[in-house]
Amino acid sequence: MLAAAALAFQSCGGSSSNDSKANADSANHTKDTSTNAVETGGIAVVGDDAEFAVAAANGGMAEVELSKLAATKATNAKVKEFATMMTKDHMTANEELMALAKTKNITLPTTVGADEQKTMGDIQAKSGTEFDKAYVDQMVSDHKKTVDLFEKATTDAKDADIKSFAIKTLPTLKNHLAAIEAIQKGM
C-alpha cells in the first residue's frame, strides 16, 4: 500500500502540477468508485471511461484553440474555412461532453494539456504558408488519434452515455479528418 501511495505521489509530482489534463486524470483516479454514486462524491463511470472523457476534452480544447488561431493567422482560404468549422463543431462537442461529465462527476481539464500547449506555441511561432502547413499537419495527426480514441470508445466504453457520445461524435470527426487530408493533399 505504501508503494502504491509513493507511486501515486510520484506520478503527480514534477511538471504535471500545471498540466490540467494530468490534474483531471489524477482527480478522477482519487474519487471513490466503489459506490459509483455521484451523490456521495463518487464517479459514476469506470476509470477507463473517465480517461476517455479527459482525453476527448483535452483534444477538443486544443483543436478549438489552435483553430481559433488558424482562423485569423492562416493565409490559405481553405485552411481558414476549415479552422472556422473546427471551432464551431468542437465547441459544440466540448459543451456536450462537459454537460455529460458533470452528470457523471468526471473532472475534465480546464485548460489545454502541457504537450498540446507546447505544440500550439511551436505552430503559433510560424507564419504564412509555413503556419498553414504546420496547422494542417497537426490537424491530420490530431484527427487520426482522435478518431482512434473515439472508435475505441464506441466499442469499449462501459457507460451507455459515454458510448453514445462517442458514437454520435465519431462521424463528424471522420468528416474532419477527410476534409483536412484533402486540404493537405492540395497544398
N, C-alpha and C. Protein backbone atom coordinates (compact mmCIF):
# COMPACT_ATOMS: atom_id res chain seq x y z
N MET A 1 0.82 -1.19 0.00
CA MET A 1 0.00 0.00 0.00
C MET A 1 0.87 1.26 0.00
N LEU A 2 1.95 1.23 0.80
CA LEU A 2 2.85 2.37 0.81
C LEU A 2 3.51 2.57 -0.55
N ALA A 3 3.86 1.47 -1.19
CA ALA A 3 4.47 1.57 -2.51
C ALA A 3 3.50 2.20 -3.50
N ALA A 4 2.25 1.81 -3.43
CA ALA A 4 1.23 2.38 -4.33
C ALA A 4 1.05 3.86 -4.05
N ALA A 5 1.04 4.24 -2.78
CA ALA A 5 0.90 5.65 -2.43
C ALA A 5 2.11 6.45 -2.92
N ALA A 6 3.30 5.89 -2.76
CA ALA A 6 4.51 6.57 -3.23
C ALA A 6 4.49 6.72 -4.74
N LEU A 7 4.04 5.67 -5.42
CA LEU A 7 3.95 5.72 -6.87
C LEU A 7 2.94 6.78 -7.31
N ALA A 8 1.80 6.83 -6.64
CA ALA A 8 0.78 7.83 -6.97
C ALA A 8 1.31 9.24 -6.72
N PHE A 9 2.01 9.43 -5.60
CA PHE A 9 2.59 10.73 -5.29
C PHE A 9 3.61 11.13 -6.34
N GLN A 10 4.45 10.19 -6.72
CA GLN A 10 5.49 10.47 -7.71
C GLN A 10 4.87 10.84 -9.05
N SER A 11 3.80 10.16 -9.45
CA SER A 11 3.19 10.44 -10.75
C SER A 11 2.50 11.78 -10.76
N CYS A 12 2.17 12.31 -9.58
CA CYS A 12 1.51 13.61 -9.52
C CYS A 12 2.52 14.74 -9.41
N GLY A 13 3.78 14.43 -9.19
CA GLY A 13 4.79 15.46 -8.99
C GLY A 13 5.32 16.00 -10.29
N GLY A 14 6.36 16.81 -10.16
CA GLY A 14 7.03 17.34 -11.35
C GLY A 14 6.23 18.38 -12.07
N SER A 15 6.38 18.40 -13.40
CA SER A 15 5.76 19.45 -14.20
C SER A 15 4.27 19.24 -14.41
N SER A 16 3.73 18.11 -13.97
CA SER A 16 2.30 17.86 -14.21
C SER A 16 1.41 18.75 -13.34
N SER A 17 1.97 19.44 -12.32
CA SER A 17 1.16 20.27 -11.45
C SER A 17 0.51 21.42 -12.22
N ASN A 18 1.09 21.82 -13.35
CA ASN A 18 0.47 22.86 -14.15
C ASN A 18 -0.12 22.28 -15.44
N ASP A 19 -0.28 20.98 -15.48
CA ASP A 19 -0.87 20.30 -16.63
C ASP A 19 -2.30 19.92 -16.28
N SER A 20 -3.24 20.67 -16.82
CA SER A 20 -4.64 20.49 -16.48
C SER A 20 -5.14 19.09 -16.82
N LYS A 21 -4.65 18.51 -17.90
CA LYS A 21 -5.07 17.15 -18.27
C LYS A 21 -4.61 16.15 -17.22
N ALA A 22 -3.35 16.24 -16.81
CA ALA A 22 -2.82 15.33 -15.79
C ALA A 22 -3.55 15.52 -14.47
N ASN A 23 -3.85 16.77 -14.13
CA ASN A 23 -4.57 17.04 -12.89
C ASN A 23 -5.98 16.45 -12.92
N ALA A 24 -6.66 16.53 -14.06
CA ALA A 24 -8.01 15.97 -14.18
C ALA A 24 -7.97 14.45 -14.06
N ASP A 25 -7.00 13.82 -14.74
CA ASP A 25 -6.86 12.37 -14.62
C ASP A 25 -6.62 11.97 -13.17
N SER A 26 -5.75 12.71 -12.50
CA SER A 26 -5.43 12.42 -11.10
C SER A 26 -6.66 12.58 -10.21
N ALA A 27 -7.42 13.64 -10.42
CA ALA A 27 -8.63 13.87 -9.62
C ALA A 27 -9.63 12.73 -9.81
N ASN A 28 -9.77 12.27 -11.04
CA ASN A 28 -10.72 11.18 -11.30
C ASN A 28 -10.25 9.87 -10.67
N HIS A 29 -8.95 9.65 -10.62
CA HIS A 29 -8.42 8.42 -10.01
C HIS A 29 -8.63 8.40 -8.51
N THR A 30 -8.69 9.58 -7.88
CA THR A 30 -8.82 9.62 -6.42
C THR A 30 -10.27 9.62 -5.96
N LYS A 31 -11.21 9.76 -6.87
CA LYS A 31 -12.62 9.75 -6.48
C LYS A 31 -13.04 8.33 -6.12
N ASP A 32 -13.97 8.25 -5.22
CA ASP A 32 -14.49 6.96 -4.77
C ASP A 32 -15.28 6.31 -5.90
N THR A 33 -14.80 5.18 -6.37
CA THR A 33 -15.50 4.47 -7.44
C THR A 33 -16.23 3.24 -6.91
N SER A 34 -16.14 3.01 -5.61
CA SER A 34 -16.76 1.80 -5.07
C SER A 34 -18.27 1.88 -5.06
N THR A 35 -18.81 3.08 -4.96
CA THR A 35 -20.27 3.22 -4.92
C THR A 35 -20.85 3.66 -6.25
N ASN A 36 -20.01 4.23 -7.12
CA ASN A 36 -20.49 4.78 -8.39
C ASN A 36 -21.64 5.75 -8.19
N ALA A 37 -21.67 6.41 -7.06
CA ALA A 37 -22.75 7.34 -6.77
C ALA A 37 -22.23 8.76 -6.77
N VAL A 38 -22.73 9.57 -7.66
CA VAL A 38 -22.33 10.96 -7.76
C VAL A 38 -22.66 11.68 -6.45
N GLU A 39 -23.77 11.33 -5.83
CA GLU A 39 -24.22 12.00 -4.62
C GLU A 39 -23.23 11.87 -3.47
N THR A 40 -22.45 10.80 -3.44
CA THR A 40 -21.51 10.59 -2.34
C THR A 40 -20.09 10.97 -2.72
N GLY A 41 -19.92 11.68 -3.82
CA GLY A 41 -18.59 12.11 -4.22
C GLY A 41 -17.90 11.11 -5.11
N GLY A 42 -18.59 10.04 -5.42
CA GLY A 42 -18.00 9.03 -6.30
C GLY A 42 -18.13 9.43 -7.75
N ILE A 43 -17.44 8.71 -8.57
CA ILE A 43 -17.50 8.93 -10.01
C ILE A 43 -18.47 7.88 -10.57
N ALA A 44 -19.31 8.27 -11.49
CA ALA A 44 -20.38 7.39 -11.95
C ALA A 44 -19.98 6.51 -13.12
N VAL A 45 -18.71 6.46 -13.44
CA VAL A 45 -18.24 5.62 -14.55
C VAL A 45 -16.96 4.91 -14.14
N VAL A 46 -16.59 3.90 -14.90
CA VAL A 46 -15.31 3.22 -14.65
C VAL A 46 -14.17 4.14 -15.06
N GLY A 47 -13.00 3.85 -14.55
CA GLY A 47 -11.83 4.70 -14.80
C GLY A 47 -11.50 4.89 -16.27
N ASP A 48 -11.62 3.83 -17.07
CA ASP A 48 -11.31 3.95 -18.50
C ASP A 48 -12.25 4.94 -19.19
N ASP A 49 -13.51 4.95 -18.79
CA ASP A 49 -14.46 5.90 -19.39
C ASP A 49 -14.12 7.33 -18.99
N ALA A 50 -13.69 7.53 -17.75
CA ALA A 50 -13.27 8.86 -17.30
C ALA A 50 -12.02 9.30 -18.06
N GLU A 51 -11.09 8.38 -18.27
CA GLU A 51 -9.88 8.72 -19.03
C GLU A 51 -10.21 9.10 -20.46
N PHE A 52 -11.18 8.41 -21.06
CA PHE A 52 -11.63 8.78 -22.40
C PHE A 52 -12.17 10.20 -22.39
N ALA A 53 -13.01 10.52 -21.41
CA ALA A 53 -13.62 11.85 -21.34
C ALA A 53 -12.55 12.93 -21.19
N VAL A 54 -11.55 12.67 -20.35
CA VAL A 54 -10.47 13.64 -20.16
C VAL A 54 -9.68 13.82 -21.45
N ALA A 55 -9.33 12.72 -22.11
CA ALA A 55 -8.57 12.80 -23.36
C ALA A 55 -9.38 13.51 -24.45
N ALA A 56 -10.66 13.20 -24.53
CA ALA A 56 -11.52 13.83 -25.53
C ALA A 56 -11.65 15.33 -25.27
N ALA A 57 -11.82 15.70 -24.01
CA ALA A 57 -11.95 17.12 -23.66
C ALA A 57 -10.66 17.87 -23.95
N ASN A 58 -9.53 17.27 -23.58
CA ASN A 58 -8.24 17.91 -23.82
C ASN A 58 -8.00 18.10 -25.31
N GLY A 59 -8.25 17.06 -26.09
CA GLY A 59 -8.08 17.16 -27.54
C GLY A 59 -9.02 18.16 -28.16
N GLY A 60 -10.25 18.16 -27.71
CA GLY A 60 -11.24 19.10 -28.24
C GLY A 60 -10.86 20.55 -27.95
N MET A 61 -10.41 20.80 -26.72
CA MET A 61 -9.99 22.17 -26.38
C MET A 61 -8.77 22.59 -27.20
N ALA A 62 -7.83 21.69 -27.37
CA ALA A 62 -6.63 22.00 -28.14
C ALA A 62 -6.98 22.33 -29.59
N GLU A 63 -7.90 21.56 -30.16
CA GLU A 63 -8.28 21.80 -31.54
C GLU A 63 -9.03 23.13 -31.69
N VAL A 64 -9.85 23.48 -30.70
CA VAL A 64 -10.55 24.76 -30.74
C VAL A 64 -9.54 25.91 -30.66
N GLU A 65 -8.63 25.85 -29.70
CA GLU A 65 -7.66 26.93 -29.53
C GLU A 65 -6.78 27.10 -30.76
N LEU A 66 -6.29 26.00 -31.29
CA LEU A 66 -5.44 26.07 -32.47
C LEU A 66 -6.22 26.55 -33.69
N SER A 67 -7.47 26.14 -33.78
CA SER A 67 -8.30 26.54 -34.92
C SER A 67 -8.70 28.01 -34.83
N LYS A 68 -8.92 28.52 -33.63
CA LYS A 68 -9.18 29.96 -33.48
C LYS A 68 -7.98 30.75 -33.99
N LEU A 69 -6.80 30.29 -33.66
CA LEU A 69 -5.59 30.94 -34.14
C LEU A 69 -5.50 30.86 -35.66
N ALA A 70 -5.77 29.69 -36.20
CA ALA A 70 -5.69 29.49 -37.65
C ALA A 70 -6.73 30.32 -38.40
N ALA A 71 -7.89 30.52 -37.81
CA ALA A 71 -8.94 31.31 -38.47
C ALA A 71 -8.49 32.75 -38.70
N THR A 72 -7.58 33.23 -37.88
CA THR A 72 -7.09 34.60 -38.05
C THR A 72 -5.72 34.67 -38.71
N LYS A 73 -4.89 33.63 -38.53
CA LYS A 73 -3.50 33.69 -38.97
C LYS A 73 -3.21 32.97 -40.29
N ALA A 74 -4.05 32.02 -40.66
CA ALA A 74 -3.80 31.25 -41.88
C ALA A 74 -3.89 32.15 -43.11
N THR A 75 -3.13 31.79 -44.14
CA THR A 75 -3.17 32.55 -45.39
C THR A 75 -3.99 31.84 -46.46
N ASN A 76 -4.15 30.53 -46.34
CA ASN A 76 -4.91 29.73 -47.29
C ASN A 76 -6.40 29.79 -46.93
N ALA A 77 -7.23 30.16 -47.90
CA ALA A 77 -8.66 30.31 -47.64
C ALA A 77 -9.31 29.00 -47.18
N LYS A 78 -8.89 27.87 -47.76
CA LYS A 78 -9.46 26.58 -47.35
C LYS A 78 -9.07 26.24 -45.91
N VAL A 79 -7.87 26.60 -45.52
CA VAL A 79 -7.41 26.37 -44.15
C VAL A 79 -8.24 27.22 -43.19
N LYS A 80 -8.46 28.48 -43.54
CA LYS A 80 -9.28 29.36 -42.70
C LYS A 80 -10.71 28.82 -42.57
N GLU A 81 -11.27 28.37 -43.67
CA GLU A 81 -12.63 27.82 -43.67
C GLU A 81 -12.70 26.58 -42.79
N PHE A 82 -11.71 25.70 -42.91
CA PHE A 82 -11.65 24.51 -42.08
C PHE A 82 -11.53 24.89 -40.61
N ALA A 83 -10.69 25.85 -40.30
CA ALA A 83 -10.48 26.28 -38.92
C ALA A 83 -11.77 26.82 -38.31
N THR A 84 -12.53 27.55 -39.08
CA THR A 84 -13.81 28.08 -38.60
C THR A 84 -14.78 26.94 -38.30
N MET A 85 -14.84 25.97 -39.21
CA MET A 85 -15.70 24.79 -38.99
C MET A 85 -15.26 24.04 -37.74
N MET A 86 -13.95 23.87 -37.59
CA MET A 86 -13.41 23.15 -36.43
C MET A 86 -13.83 23.82 -35.13
N THR A 87 -13.68 25.13 -35.08
CA THR A 87 -14.02 25.86 -33.86
C THR A 87 -15.48 25.64 -33.51
N LYS A 88 -16.36 25.77 -34.48
CA LYS A 88 -17.80 25.61 -34.24
C LYS A 88 -18.13 24.17 -33.81
N ASP A 89 -17.68 23.20 -34.58
CA ASP A 89 -18.02 21.80 -34.30
C ASP A 89 -17.45 21.31 -32.97
N HIS A 90 -16.20 21.66 -32.71
CA HIS A 90 -15.58 21.17 -31.48
C HIS A 90 -16.08 21.90 -30.24
N MET A 91 -16.46 23.17 -30.38
CA MET A 91 -17.06 23.86 -29.23
C MET A 91 -18.38 23.21 -28.86
N THR A 92 -19.15 22.84 -29.85
CA THR A 92 -20.43 22.15 -29.60
C THR A 92 -20.19 20.81 -28.92
N ALA A 93 -19.27 20.02 -29.44
CA ALA A 93 -18.97 18.71 -28.83
C ALA A 93 -18.39 18.88 -27.43
N ASN A 94 -17.54 19.89 -27.24
CA ASN A 94 -16.95 20.13 -25.92
C ASN A 94 -18.02 20.47 -24.90
N GLU A 95 -18.99 21.29 -25.30
CA GLU A 95 -20.08 21.66 -24.38
C GLU A 95 -20.91 20.43 -24.01
N GLU A 96 -21.18 19.59 -24.99
CA GLU A 96 -21.93 18.36 -24.73
C GLU A 96 -21.15 17.44 -23.79
N LEU A 97 -19.86 17.32 -24.00
CA LEU A 97 -19.03 16.48 -23.14
C LEU A 97 -18.96 17.04 -21.73
N MET A 98 -18.86 18.36 -21.60
CA MET A 98 -18.82 18.97 -20.26
C MET A 98 -20.11 18.68 -19.49
N ALA A 99 -21.23 18.79 -20.17
CA ALA A 99 -22.51 18.51 -19.51
C ALA A 99 -22.59 17.04 -19.10
N LEU A 100 -22.15 16.15 -19.96
CA LEU A 100 -22.14 14.72 -19.65
C LEU A 100 -21.21 14.43 -18.48
N ALA A 101 -20.04 15.01 -18.49
CA ALA A 101 -19.07 14.79 -17.41
C ALA A 101 -19.63 15.27 -16.07
N LYS A 102 -20.35 16.36 -16.10
CA LYS A 102 -20.94 16.88 -14.86
C LYS A 102 -21.92 15.87 -14.26
N THR A 103 -22.73 15.24 -15.11
CA THR A 103 -23.70 14.27 -14.59
C THR A 103 -23.02 13.01 -14.07
N LYS A 104 -21.82 12.73 -14.55
CA LYS A 104 -21.08 11.52 -14.15
C LYS A 104 -20.03 11.81 -13.08
N ASN A 105 -19.91 13.08 -12.67
CA ASN A 105 -18.92 13.52 -11.68
C ASN A 105 -17.49 13.27 -12.18
N ILE A 106 -17.26 13.48 -13.46
CA ILE A 106 -15.93 13.34 -14.05
C ILE A 106 -15.29 14.72 -14.08
N THR A 107 -14.10 14.83 -13.55
CA THR A 107 -13.34 16.07 -13.62
C THR A 107 -12.67 16.15 -14.98
N LEU A 108 -12.92 17.23 -15.70
CA LEU A 108 -12.30 17.44 -17.00
C LEU A 108 -11.23 18.52 -16.87
N PRO A 109 -10.26 18.53 -17.77
CA PRO A 109 -9.26 19.59 -17.73
C PRO A 109 -9.92 20.94 -18.00
N THR A 110 -9.38 21.98 -17.39
CA THR A 110 -9.92 23.32 -17.59
C THR A 110 -9.12 24.10 -18.62
N THR A 111 -7.91 23.64 -18.87
CA THR A 111 -7.07 24.25 -19.90
C THR A 111 -6.42 23.12 -20.69
N VAL A 112 -5.83 23.47 -21.80
CA VAL A 112 -5.17 22.50 -22.66
C VAL A 112 -3.94 21.93 -21.94
N GLY A 113 -3.69 20.64 -22.14
CA GLY A 113 -2.56 19.96 -21.51
C GLY A 113 -1.22 20.54 -21.94
N ALA A 114 -0.19 20.23 -21.17
CA ALA A 114 1.15 20.79 -21.39
C ALA A 114 1.71 20.43 -22.76
N ASP A 115 1.54 19.19 -23.20
CA ASP A 115 2.05 18.79 -24.51
C ASP A 115 1.39 19.59 -25.63
N GLU A 116 0.08 19.75 -25.53
CA GLU A 116 -0.66 20.50 -26.55
C GLU A 116 -0.30 21.98 -26.51
N GLN A 117 -0.05 22.53 -25.32
CA GLN A 117 0.37 23.93 -25.22
C GLN A 117 1.71 24.15 -25.93
N LYS A 118 2.61 23.20 -25.77
CA LYS A 118 3.91 23.31 -26.44
C LYS A 118 3.73 23.26 -27.96
N THR A 119 2.91 22.33 -28.42
CA THR A 119 2.65 22.22 -29.86
C THR A 119 2.04 23.52 -30.39
N MET A 120 1.07 24.06 -29.66
CA MET A 120 0.43 25.30 -30.11
C MET A 120 1.43 26.45 -30.15
N GLY A 121 2.33 26.51 -29.18
CA GLY A 121 3.35 27.55 -29.18
C GLY A 121 4.27 27.42 -30.38
N ASP A 122 4.65 26.19 -30.69
CA ASP A 122 5.52 25.95 -31.86
C ASP A 122 4.84 26.39 -33.15
N ILE A 123 3.56 26.08 -33.28
CA ILE A 123 2.83 26.43 -34.51
C ILE A 123 2.58 27.93 -34.56
N GLN A 124 2.25 28.52 -33.42
CA GLN A 124 1.98 29.96 -33.38
C GLN A 124 3.20 30.78 -33.79
N ALA A 125 4.38 30.26 -33.55
CA ALA A 125 5.61 30.98 -33.89
C ALA A 125 5.84 31.05 -35.40
N LYS A 126 5.12 30.25 -36.15
CA LYS A 126 5.28 30.23 -37.61
C LYS A 126 4.37 31.27 -38.26
N SER A 127 4.63 31.55 -39.52
CA SER A 127 3.76 32.50 -40.23
C SER A 127 3.66 32.10 -41.70
N GLY A 128 2.68 32.68 -42.36
CA GLY A 128 2.48 32.44 -43.80
C GLY A 128 2.19 30.99 -44.12
N THR A 129 2.73 30.52 -45.23
CA THR A 129 2.47 29.15 -45.67
C THR A 129 3.09 28.13 -44.71
N GLU A 130 4.15 28.54 -44.01
CA GLU A 130 4.75 27.65 -43.01
C GLU A 130 3.76 27.39 -41.87
N PHE A 131 3.03 28.43 -41.45
CA PHE A 131 2.00 28.27 -40.44
C PHE A 131 0.89 27.35 -40.95
N ASP A 132 0.41 27.63 -42.17
CA ASP A 132 -0.67 26.83 -42.74
C ASP A 132 -0.31 25.35 -42.77
N LYS A 133 0.90 25.05 -43.25
CA LYS A 133 1.34 23.66 -43.33
C LYS A 133 1.43 23.02 -41.94
N ALA A 134 1.98 23.73 -40.99
CA ALA A 134 2.11 23.19 -39.63
C ALA A 134 0.74 22.93 -39.01
N TYR A 135 -0.20 23.86 -39.20
CA TYR A 135 -1.56 23.68 -38.69
C TYR A 135 -2.23 22.47 -39.34
N VAL A 136 -2.16 22.39 -40.65
CA VAL A 136 -2.79 21.28 -41.38
C VAL A 136 -2.19 19.95 -40.95
N ASP A 137 -0.87 19.89 -40.89
CA ASP A 137 -0.21 18.65 -40.48
C ASP A 137 -0.64 18.24 -39.07
N GLN A 138 -0.74 19.23 -38.18
CA GLN A 138 -1.16 18.93 -36.81
C GLN A 138 -2.60 18.46 -36.77
N MET A 139 -3.46 19.06 -37.56
CA MET A 139 -4.87 18.65 -37.58
C MET A 139 -5.02 17.23 -38.12
N VAL A 140 -4.24 16.87 -39.12
CA VAL A 140 -4.27 15.50 -39.64
C VAL A 140 -3.84 14.53 -38.54
N SER A 141 -2.73 14.83 -37.91
CA SER A 141 -2.21 13.97 -36.84
C SER A 141 -3.21 13.86 -35.69
N ASP A 142 -3.71 15.01 -35.23
CA ASP A 142 -4.67 15.01 -34.11
C ASP A 142 -5.94 14.24 -34.45
N HIS A 143 -6.44 14.43 -35.66
CA HIS A 143 -7.69 13.76 -36.01
C HIS A 143 -7.52 12.25 -36.17
N LYS A 144 -6.37 11.82 -36.62
CA LYS A 144 -6.13 10.37 -36.69
C LYS A 144 -6.18 9.79 -35.27
N LYS A 145 -5.52 10.45 -34.33
CA LYS A 145 -5.52 9.99 -32.93
C LYS A 145 -6.93 10.07 -32.34
N THR A 146 -7.63 11.15 -32.62
CA THR A 146 -8.96 11.34 -32.06
C THR A 146 -9.95 10.32 -32.61
N VAL A 147 -9.88 10.06 -33.91
CA VAL A 147 -10.77 9.04 -34.50
C VAL A 147 -10.49 7.69 -33.84
N ASP A 148 -9.23 7.35 -33.67
CA ASP A 148 -8.88 6.09 -32.99
C ASP A 148 -9.44 6.06 -31.57
N LEU A 149 -9.29 7.16 -30.83
CA LEU A 149 -9.79 7.26 -29.46
C LEU A 149 -11.31 7.03 -29.41
N PHE A 150 -12.02 7.70 -30.31
CA PHE A 150 -13.48 7.59 -30.33
C PHE A 150 -13.94 6.23 -30.83
N GLU A 151 -13.25 5.66 -31.81
CA GLU A 151 -13.61 4.31 -32.29
C GLU A 151 -13.48 3.30 -31.15
N LYS A 152 -12.42 3.43 -30.38
CA LYS A 152 -12.22 2.53 -29.24
C LYS A 152 -13.35 2.70 -28.23
N ALA A 153 -13.74 3.94 -27.97
CA ALA A 153 -14.82 4.20 -27.01
C ALA A 153 -16.16 3.67 -27.49
N THR A 154 -16.38 3.64 -28.81
CA THR A 154 -17.67 3.13 -29.31
C THR A 154 -17.83 1.64 -29.03
N THR A 155 -16.72 0.95 -28.85
CA THR A 155 -16.81 -0.49 -28.55
C THR A 155 -16.46 -0.81 -27.11
N ASP A 156 -15.56 -0.05 -26.49
CA ASP A 156 -15.05 -0.41 -25.16
C ASP A 156 -15.69 0.34 -24.00
N ALA A 157 -16.31 1.48 -24.25
CA ALA A 157 -16.89 2.25 -23.14
C ALA A 157 -17.95 1.42 -22.43
N LYS A 158 -17.91 1.45 -21.12
CA LYS A 158 -18.88 0.70 -20.30
C LYS A 158 -20.15 1.51 -20.05
N ASP A 159 -19.99 2.82 -19.91
CA ASP A 159 -21.14 3.69 -19.63
C ASP A 159 -21.91 3.96 -20.92
N ALA A 160 -23.20 3.75 -20.89
CA ALA A 160 -24.03 3.91 -22.09
C ALA A 160 -24.01 5.34 -22.62
N ASP A 161 -23.99 6.33 -21.73
CA ASP A 161 -23.99 7.72 -22.17
C ASP A 161 -22.66 8.11 -22.80
N ILE A 162 -21.57 7.63 -22.23
CA ILE A 162 -20.24 7.89 -22.80
C ILE A 162 -20.15 7.24 -24.18
N LYS A 163 -20.59 5.99 -24.27
CA LYS A 163 -20.57 5.27 -25.54
C LYS A 163 -21.42 5.99 -26.58
N SER A 164 -22.58 6.45 -26.17
CA SER A 164 -23.49 7.16 -27.07
C SER A 164 -22.84 8.46 -27.58
N PHE A 165 -22.16 9.19 -26.69
CA PHE A 165 -21.46 10.41 -27.10
C PHE A 165 -20.40 10.09 -28.14
N ALA A 166 -19.64 9.03 -27.91
CA ALA A 166 -18.59 8.63 -28.86
C ALA A 166 -19.19 8.25 -30.21
N ILE A 167 -20.27 7.48 -30.18
CA ILE A 167 -20.92 7.05 -31.43
C ILE A 167 -21.47 8.25 -32.19
N LYS A 168 -22.08 9.18 -31.47
CA LYS A 168 -22.68 10.36 -32.10
C LYS A 168 -21.61 11.29 -32.70
N THR A 169 -20.47 11.42 -32.03
CA THR A 169 -19.44 12.37 -32.43
C THR A 169 -18.51 11.82 -33.50
N LEU A 170 -18.32 10.52 -33.54
CA LEU A 170 -17.35 9.90 -34.45
C LEU A 170 -17.54 10.28 -35.92
N PRO A 171 -18.75 10.28 -36.48
CA PRO A 171 -18.88 10.64 -37.91
C PRO A 171 -18.37 12.06 -38.22
N THR A 172 -18.60 13.00 -37.31
CA THR A 172 -18.11 14.36 -37.51
C THR A 172 -16.58 14.38 -37.52
N LEU A 173 -15.98 13.62 -36.61
CA LEU A 173 -14.52 13.55 -36.55
C LEU A 173 -13.94 12.93 -37.83
N LYS A 174 -14.60 11.90 -38.32
CA LYS A 174 -14.15 11.28 -39.57
C LYS A 174 -14.28 12.26 -40.75
N ASN A 175 -15.35 13.05 -40.75
CA ASN A 175 -15.51 14.07 -41.80
C ASN A 175 -14.40 15.12 -41.70
N HIS A 176 -14.06 15.52 -40.47
CA HIS A 176 -12.97 16.47 -40.29
C HIS A 176 -11.66 15.90 -40.83
N LEU A 177 -11.39 14.65 -40.52
CA LEU A 177 -10.16 14.01 -40.98
C LEU A 177 -10.11 13.97 -42.51
N ALA A 178 -11.20 13.59 -43.13
CA ALA A 178 -11.24 13.54 -44.60
C ALA A 178 -11.04 14.93 -45.19
N ALA A 179 -11.66 15.93 -44.59
CA ALA A 179 -11.55 17.30 -45.11
C ALA A 179 -10.13 17.83 -44.98
N ILE A 180 -9.50 17.61 -43.84
CA ILE A 180 -8.16 18.15 -43.65
C ILE A 180 -7.13 17.37 -44.47
N GLU A 181 -7.36 16.07 -44.67
CA GLU A 181 -6.46 15.31 -45.54
C GLU A 181 -6.55 15.81 -46.98
N ALA A 182 -7.76 16.18 -47.41
CA ALA A 182 -7.93 16.72 -48.76
C ALA A 182 -7.20 18.06 -48.90
N ILE A 183 -7.29 18.88 -47.87
CA ILE A 183 -6.57 20.17 -47.89
C ILE A 183 -5.07 19.91 -47.92
N GLN A 184 -4.61 18.95 -47.11
CA GLN A 184 -3.18 18.64 -47.05
C GLN A 184 -2.67 18.19 -48.42
N LYS A 185 -3.44 17.35 -49.13
CA LYS A 185 -3.02 16.87 -50.44
C LYS A 185 -2.97 17.99 -51.46
N GLY A 186 -3.83 19.00 -51.29
CA GLY A 186 -3.87 20.12 -52.21
C GLY A 186 -2.82 21.20 -51.96
N MET A 187 -2.08 21.06 -50.90
CA MET A 187 -1.08 22.10 -50.55
C MET A 187 0.25 21.83 -51.23
